[in-house]
Protein backbone atom coordinates (compact mmCIF):
# COMPACT_ATOMS: atom_id res chain seq x y z
CA MET A 1 -7.72 -20.34 21.30
CA ASN A 2 -4.00 -19.63 21.27
CA TYR A 3 -3.09 -15.98 21.92
CA VAL A 4 0.69 -16.34 22.10
CA TYR A 5 2.89 -17.39 19.18
CA ARG A 6 6.61 -18.12 19.15
CA PHE A 7 8.98 -18.72 16.28
CA GLN A 8 10.24 -22.30 16.14
CA PRO A 9 13.10 -22.79 13.66
CA GLU A 10 12.40 -26.51 13.26
CA GLN A 11 8.90 -25.70 11.94
CA ALA A 12 10.00 -22.89 9.60
CA ALA A 13 10.59 -23.13 5.87
CA ARG A 14 13.34 -21.73 3.67
CA ALA A 15 12.39 -18.43 1.99
CA HIS A 16 13.98 -15.72 -0.16
CA GLU A 17 15.87 -18.16 -2.37
CA GLY A 18 16.75 -20.23 0.71
CA THR A 19 18.63 -17.41 2.44
CA ILE A 20 16.44 -17.28 5.59
CA LEU A 21 13.98 -19.37 7.57
CA ALA A 22 10.44 -17.98 7.63
CA ALA A 23 7.08 -18.87 9.21
CA PRO A 24 3.82 -17.04 9.89
CA VAL A 25 3.97 -14.72 12.90
CA ILE A 26 0.34 -15.49 13.74
CA GLU A 27 -0.91 -19.00 12.92
CA GLY A 28 -4.23 -19.59 11.22
CA GLU A 29 -6.25 -17.45 8.88
CA MET A 30 -5.29 -13.96 10.12
CA ARG A 31 -4.06 -12.18 6.99
CA GLU A 32 -6.14 -9.07 6.19
CA PRO A 33 -5.40 -6.17 6.08
CA PHE A 34 -1.74 -7.21 6.20
CA ASP A 35 0.41 -10.27 5.77
CA HIS A 36 3.23 -11.34 8.09
CA ALA A 37 6.19 -13.65 8.60
CA TRP A 38 9.11 -14.28 10.91
CA GLY A 39 12.53 -13.77 9.37
CA TYR A 40 15.42 -15.73 10.90
CA LEU A 41 19.15 -16.03 10.26
CA ALA A 42 20.72 -18.66 12.56
CA GLY A 43 24.24 -17.29 12.11
CA PRO A 44 26.27 -15.29 9.63
CA GLY A 45 24.40 -14.68 6.40
CA GLU A 46 22.25 -12.32 4.41
CA MET A 47 18.65 -12.42 3.28
CA GLU A 48 18.16 -12.25 -0.48
CA ARG A 49 18.05 -8.61 -1.59
CA HIS A 50 14.62 -7.86 -2.95
CA ALA A 51 11.95 -5.21 -3.51
CA HIS A 52 8.17 -5.34 -3.79
CA PRO A 53 5.31 -2.85 -4.22
CA THR A 54 4.09 -3.11 -0.62
CA TYR A 55 4.72 -1.15 2.55
CA GLU A 56 6.70 -3.24 5.03
CA VAL A 57 7.70 -2.93 8.69
CA TYR A 58 10.21 -5.16 10.52
CA LEU A 59 10.45 -5.44 14.30
CA VAL A 60 13.74 -6.93 15.53
CA VAL A 61 12.99 -9.45 18.30
CA ALA A 62 16.30 -11.31 18.81
CA GLY A 63 19.96 -10.62 18.22
CA SER A 64 21.46 -7.77 16.29
CA GLY A 65 22.61 -7.17 12.77
CA PHE A 66 22.14 -4.76 9.91
CA VAL A 67 19.35 -3.66 7.62
CA GLU A 68 20.11 -2.25 4.21
CA VAL A 69 17.40 -0.21 2.43
CA ASP A 70 18.17 1.28 -1.00
CA GLY A 71 21.91 1.04 -0.32
CA VAL A 72 21.79 2.62 3.17
CA ARG A 73 23.09 0.21 5.82
CA GLN A 74 22.17 0.68 9.51
CA ALA A 75 22.86 -1.37 12.64
CA VAL A 76 19.72 -2.77 14.30
CA THR A 77 19.03 -4.61 17.54
CA VAL A 78 16.15 -5.91 19.68
CA GLY A 79 13.27 -3.44 19.83
CA ASP A 80 14.18 -1.56 16.65
CA VAL A 81 11.42 -0.98 14.10
CA ILE A 82 12.40 -0.74 10.43
CA ASN A 83 10.22 1.06 7.89
CA ILE A 84 10.68 -0.19 4.30
CA PRO A 85 8.93 1.90 1.63
CA PRO A 86 7.34 0.33 -1.44
CA ASN A 87 9.78 -0.72 -4.18
CA ALA A 88 12.88 -0.18 -1.98
CA GLN A 89 15.66 -2.79 -2.36
CA HIS A 90 16.24 -4.27 1.10
CA THR A 91 17.97 -7.05 3.01
CA MET A 92 18.82 -8.15 6.56
CA ILE A 93 22.41 -9.09 7.42
CA ASN A 94 23.77 -11.17 10.31
CA GLU A 95 27.53 -11.03 10.89
CA ARG A 96 27.48 -12.89 14.22
CA ASP A 97 27.47 -16.54 15.26
CA GLU A 98 24.11 -16.13 16.98
CA PRO A 99 20.48 -15.96 15.85
CA PHE A 100 19.05 -12.77 14.35
CA GLN A 101 15.24 -12.65 14.16
CA TRP A 102 12.59 -10.17 13.10
CA ALA A 103 8.83 -10.06 12.56
CA ALA A 104 7.78 -8.64 9.18
CA PHE A 105 4.38 -7.12 8.41
CA TRP A 106 3.39 -5.86 4.95
CA TRP A 107 0.34 -4.47 3.21
CA SER A 108 -0.66 -3.02 -0.17
CA ALA A 109 0.57 0.41 -1.13
């Protein structure tokens, strides 16, 4: 059994209207009680702004950039944890020519 998982951009798929690359954080059937995905911006860009009725937490694992939640923009970097409440408009923004990556976990409100 594999206990260690790494994001591999070449195996990821476009998500959020094609604005980011995404892939499961943990491969296989592990879903309950939460769902999960890597988020990845290879260089300058912004994830599609969106909202949903779930709780969501992001953990920044590579690079630095910005998170915007309900119009409030904050700088984030490796090790930062971002709490996104249900129904909050949010996005991740990369203004650098280097990868920006986070792990997202969400569950029902």
